[in-house]
């Protein structure tokens, strides 16, 4: 299997996991159950920021918490990294 495809699929899965973590935490919040630690949600947001932002918006979860504004910074950092990879691939590919 193509290594690039493996990386892309893995990256998509990380974002789906982040999205699901926000969905599960929101559901637990509504039911008054044990919650996912914010640290865990932030780590998942760091490695899957697109899923995290989508989860925050879709489930209206953690959007007002100041530390979760970092998720938008994570998106910018990932976009810069992806852009750099694409640029370098074009230069040296």
N, C-alpha and C. Protein backbone atom coordinates (compact mmCIF):
# COMPACT_ATOMS: atom_id res chain seq x y z
N UNK A 1 0.86 -1.19 0.00
CA UNK A 1 0.00 0.00 0.00
C UNK A 1 0.90 1.25 0.00
N UNK A 2 0.43 2.26 -0.65
CA UNK A 2 1.16 3.51 -0.77
C UNK A 2 1.33 4.17 0.60
N UNK A 3 2.58 4.53 0.98
CA UNK A 3 2.81 5.14 2.30
C UNK A 3 2.07 6.48 2.48
N UNK A 4 1.95 7.24 1.43
CA UNK A 4 1.24 8.52 1.52
C UNK A 4 -0.23 8.28 1.83
N UNK A 5 -0.80 7.27 1.19
CA UNK A 5 -2.20 6.93 1.45
C UNK A 5 -2.40 6.51 2.90
N UNK A 6 -1.46 5.74 3.43
CA UNK A 6 -1.54 5.31 4.83
C UNK A 6 -1.52 6.52 5.76
N UNK A 7 -0.65 7.48 5.48
CA UNK A 7 -0.55 8.69 6.30
C UNK A 7 -1.85 9.50 6.21
N UNK A 8 -2.37 9.66 5.02
CA UNK A 8 -3.61 10.44 4.83
C UNK A 8 -4.78 9.77 5.55
N UNK A 9 -4.91 8.47 5.39
CA UNK A 9 -6.00 7.74 6.06
C UNK A 9 -5.84 7.84 7.57
N UNK A 10 -4.61 7.69 8.06
CA UNK A 10 -4.35 7.82 9.50
C UNK A 10 -4.72 9.20 10.02
N UNK A 11 -4.38 10.21 9.25
CA UNK A 11 -4.68 11.59 9.64
C UNK A 11 -6.19 11.82 9.69
N UNK A 12 -6.89 11.29 8.71
CA UNK A 12 -8.36 11.40 8.70
C UNK A 12 -8.94 10.69 9.92
N UNK A 13 -8.42 9.51 10.24
CA UNK A 13 -8.91 8.77 11.41
C UNK A 13 -8.66 9.54 12.71
N UNK A 14 -7.50 10.19 12.83
CA UNK A 14 -7.22 10.99 14.03
C UNK A 14 -8.24 12.12 14.17
N UNK A 15 -8.61 12.73 13.08
CA UNK A 15 -9.60 13.80 13.12
C UNK A 15 -10.99 13.27 13.47
N UNK A 16 -11.31 12.09 12.98
CA UNK A 16 -12.60 11.47 13.33
C UNK A 16 -12.62 11.13 14.82
N UNK A 17 -11.51 10.62 15.33
CA UNK A 17 -11.43 10.31 16.76
C UNK A 17 -11.63 11.57 17.60
N UNK A 18 -11.01 12.68 17.19
CA UNK A 18 -11.19 13.94 17.92
C UNK A 18 -12.65 14.38 17.89
N UNK A 19 -13.27 14.28 16.73
CA UNK A 19 -14.69 14.63 16.60
C UNK A 19 -15.54 13.77 17.53
N UNK A 20 -15.30 12.48 17.53
CA UNK A 20 -16.07 11.58 18.38
C UNK A 20 -15.85 11.85 19.86
N UNK A 21 -14.64 12.24 20.23
CA UNK A 21 -14.36 12.55 21.63
C UNK A 21 -15.20 13.73 22.10
N UNK A 22 -15.36 14.74 21.25
CA UNK A 22 -16.19 15.88 21.62
C UNK A 22 -17.66 15.47 21.69
N UNK A 23 -18.08 14.61 20.78
CA UNK A 23 -19.47 14.14 20.79
C UNK A 23 -19.76 13.34 22.06
N UNK A 24 -18.86 12.45 22.41
CA UNK A 24 -19.05 11.62 23.61
C UNK A 24 -19.03 12.47 24.87
N UNK A 25 -18.11 13.43 24.94
CA UNK A 25 -18.04 14.28 26.13
C UNK A 25 -19.29 15.14 26.27
N UNK A 26 -19.81 15.63 25.17
CA UNK A 26 -21.04 16.43 25.22
C UNK A 26 -22.20 15.58 25.71
N UNK A 27 -22.28 14.35 25.21
CA UNK A 27 -23.35 13.45 25.64
C UNK A 27 -23.25 13.17 27.14
N UNK A 28 -22.04 12.92 27.61
CA UNK A 28 -21.84 12.67 29.04
C UNK A 28 -22.17 13.90 29.86
N UNK A 29 -21.87 15.07 29.35
CA UNK A 29 -22.18 16.32 30.06
C UNK A 29 -23.69 16.46 30.24
N UNK A 30 -24.42 16.15 29.20
CA UNK A 30 -25.88 16.25 29.28
C UNK A 30 -26.48 15.26 30.27
N UNK A 31 -25.83 14.09 30.39
CA UNK A 31 -26.35 13.05 31.28
C UNK A 31 -25.76 13.12 32.69
N UNK A 32 -24.87 14.08 32.91
CA UNK A 32 -24.27 14.23 34.24
C UNK A 32 -23.32 13.10 34.60
N UNK A 33 -22.72 12.47 33.61
CA UNK A 33 -21.81 11.36 33.85
C UNK A 33 -20.36 11.82 33.88
N UNK A 34 -19.45 10.85 34.14
CA UNK A 34 -18.02 11.13 34.15
C UNK A 34 -17.61 11.69 32.79
N UNK A 35 -16.79 12.74 32.83
CA UNK A 35 -16.42 13.47 31.61
C UNK A 35 -15.00 13.16 31.17
N UNK A 36 -14.75 13.39 29.90
CA UNK A 36 -13.41 13.29 29.36
C UNK A 36 -12.60 14.47 29.89
N UNK A 37 -11.42 14.23 30.44
CA UNK A 37 -10.61 15.36 30.93
C UNK A 37 -10.30 16.35 29.81
N UNK A 38 -10.30 17.63 30.15
CA UNK A 38 -10.02 18.67 29.16
C UNK A 38 -8.64 18.47 28.54
N UNK A 39 -7.70 18.01 29.33
CA UNK A 39 -6.35 17.76 28.82
C UNK A 39 -6.40 16.75 27.67
N UNK A 40 -7.20 15.71 27.83
CA UNK A 40 -7.34 14.69 26.79
C UNK A 40 -7.95 15.29 25.53
N UNK A 41 -8.99 16.10 25.71
CA UNK A 41 -9.62 16.74 24.55
C UNK A 41 -8.64 17.67 23.84
N UNK A 42 -7.81 18.37 24.59
CA UNK A 42 -6.83 19.28 23.98
C UNK A 42 -5.74 18.50 23.24
N UNK A 43 -5.31 17.38 23.79
CA UNK A 43 -4.30 16.56 23.10
C UNK A 43 -4.88 16.01 21.79
N UNK A 44 -6.12 15.53 21.86
CA UNK A 44 -6.78 15.06 20.64
C UNK A 44 -6.95 16.21 19.64
N UNK A 45 -7.19 17.41 20.14
CA UNK A 45 -7.32 18.58 19.27
C UNK A 45 -6.00 18.93 18.61
N UNK A 46 -4.91 18.68 19.30
CA UNK A 46 -3.59 18.96 18.75
C UNK A 46 -3.29 18.03 17.58
N UNK A 47 -3.69 16.77 17.68
CA UNK A 47 -3.36 15.82 16.62
C UNK A 47 -4.48 15.67 15.58
N UNK A 48 -5.68 16.13 15.91
CA UNK A 48 -6.81 16.08 14.97
C UNK A 48 -7.63 17.34 15.04
N UNK A 49 -7.03 18.49 14.71
CA UNK A 49 -7.72 19.77 14.94
C UNK A 49 -8.96 20.01 14.10
N UNK A 50 -9.00 19.45 12.89
CA UNK A 50 -10.16 19.69 12.03
C UNK A 50 -11.39 18.98 12.60
N UNK A 51 -11.20 17.76 13.06
CA UNK A 51 -12.29 17.03 13.71
C UNK A 51 -12.72 17.70 15.00
N UNK A 52 -11.74 18.24 15.74
CA UNK A 52 -12.05 18.90 17.00
C UNK A 52 -12.88 20.17 16.77
N UNK A 53 -12.49 20.98 15.81
CA UNK A 53 -13.25 22.20 15.51
C UNK A 53 -14.65 21.84 15.04
N UNK A 54 -14.74 20.84 14.17
CA UNK A 54 -16.06 20.42 13.68
C UNK A 54 -16.92 19.93 14.84
N UNK A 55 -16.31 19.16 15.76
CA UNK A 55 -17.04 18.68 16.93
C UNK A 55 -17.47 19.80 17.85
N UNK A 56 -16.59 20.78 18.04
CA UNK A 56 -16.93 21.92 18.89
C UNK A 56 -18.12 22.68 18.32
N UNK A 57 -18.09 22.90 17.02
CA UNK A 57 -19.17 23.65 16.37
C UNK A 57 -20.46 22.84 16.29
N UNK A 58 -20.34 21.59 15.86
CA UNK A 58 -21.51 20.75 15.65
C UNK A 58 -22.27 20.48 16.96
N UNK A 59 -21.52 20.23 18.03
CA UNK A 59 -22.15 19.88 19.30
C UNK A 59 -22.21 21.05 20.28
N UNK A 60 -21.76 22.23 19.83
CA UNK A 60 -21.72 23.42 20.68
C UNK A 60 -21.08 23.07 22.02
N UNK A 61 -19.86 22.57 21.92
CA UNK A 61 -19.18 22.05 23.11
C UNK A 61 -17.81 22.68 23.26
N UNK A 62 -17.55 23.24 24.42
CA UNK A 62 -16.26 23.84 24.78
C UNK A 62 -15.94 25.09 23.96
N UNK A 63 -16.91 25.67 23.32
CA UNK A 63 -16.64 26.81 22.45
C UNK A 63 -16.38 28.09 23.23
N UNK A 64 -16.84 28.17 24.46
CA UNK A 64 -16.66 29.39 25.25
C UNK A 64 -15.44 29.33 26.16
N UNK A 65 -14.85 28.15 26.31
CA UNK A 65 -13.70 28.00 27.19
C UNK A 65 -12.47 28.59 26.51
N UNK A 66 -11.77 29.46 27.22
CA UNK A 66 -10.63 30.17 26.66
C UNK A 66 -9.54 29.22 26.17
N UNK A 67 -9.22 28.18 26.94
CA UNK A 67 -8.14 27.28 26.53
C UNK A 67 -8.48 26.52 25.25
N UNK A 68 -9.75 26.39 24.93
CA UNK A 68 -10.12 25.69 23.70
C UNK A 68 -10.05 26.59 22.47
N UNK A 69 -9.71 27.86 22.67
CA UNK A 69 -9.41 28.74 21.54
C UNK A 69 -8.11 28.27 20.89
N UNK A 70 -7.29 27.53 21.65
CA UNK A 70 -6.05 26.96 21.11
C UNK A 70 -6.33 26.05 19.92
N UNK A 71 -7.48 25.45 19.88
CA UNK A 71 -7.80 24.52 18.80
C UNK A 71 -7.69 25.22 17.45
N UNK A 72 -8.08 26.49 17.39
CA UNK A 72 -7.98 27.23 16.14
C UNK A 72 -6.52 27.46 15.76
N UNK A 73 -5.67 27.66 16.74
CA UNK A 73 -4.23 27.76 16.49
C UNK A 73 -3.70 26.44 15.95
N UNK A 74 -4.18 25.33 16.50
CA UNK A 74 -3.76 24.02 16.02
C UNK A 74 -4.14 23.83 14.56
N UNK A 75 -5.32 24.32 14.17
CA UNK A 75 -5.75 24.23 12.76
C UNK A 75 -4.78 25.01 11.88
N UNK A 76 -4.43 26.21 12.30
CA UNK A 76 -3.50 27.04 11.52
C UNK A 76 -2.15 26.34 11.39
N UNK A 77 -1.66 25.78 12.49
CA UNK A 77 -0.37 25.08 12.46
C UNK A 77 -0.43 23.88 11.52
N UNK A 78 -1.52 23.15 11.54
CA UNK A 78 -1.66 21.99 10.64
C UNK A 78 -1.74 22.44 9.18
N UNK A 79 -2.46 23.52 8.93
CA UNK A 79 -2.55 24.03 7.56
C UNK A 79 -1.18 24.47 7.06
N UNK A 80 -0.40 25.12 7.93
CA UNK A 80 0.96 25.52 7.56
C UNK A 80 1.83 24.29 7.28
N UNK A 81 1.71 23.28 8.12
CA UNK A 81 2.51 22.06 7.91
C UNK A 81 2.11 21.36 6.61
N UNK A 82 0.82 21.25 6.37
CA UNK A 82 0.35 20.62 5.13
C UNK A 82 0.81 21.41 3.92
N UNK A 83 0.69 22.74 3.99
CA UNK A 83 1.15 23.59 2.90
C UNK A 83 2.64 23.45 2.65
N UNK A 84 3.41 23.36 3.73
CA UNK A 84 4.86 23.19 3.60
C UNK A 84 5.20 21.86 2.96
N UNK A 85 4.51 20.81 3.38
CA UNK A 85 4.75 19.48 2.79
C UNK A 85 4.43 19.49 1.29
N UNK A 86 3.32 20.10 0.93
CA UNK A 86 2.94 20.16 -0.48
C UNK A 86 3.95 20.97 -1.27
N UNK A 87 4.40 22.10 -0.71
CA UNK A 87 5.39 22.95 -1.38
C UNK A 87 6.71 22.21 -1.56
N UNK A 88 7.16 21.53 -0.48
CA UNK A 88 8.42 20.81 -0.56
C UNK A 88 8.34 19.66 -1.56
N UNK A 89 7.20 19.01 -1.61
CA UNK A 89 6.99 17.91 -2.57
C UNK A 89 7.12 18.47 -3.98
N UNK A 90 6.56 19.65 -4.22
CA UNK A 90 6.65 20.27 -5.55
C UNK A 90 8.06 20.69 -5.89
N UNK A 91 8.82 21.14 -4.89
CA UNK A 91 10.18 21.59 -5.12
C UNK A 91 11.15 20.42 -5.35
N UNK A 92 10.96 19.37 -4.60
CA UNK A 92 11.93 18.28 -4.63
C UNK A 92 11.34 16.96 -5.13
N UNK A 93 10.02 16.97 -5.42
CA UNK A 93 9.31 15.75 -5.74
C UNK A 93 9.67 15.11 -7.00
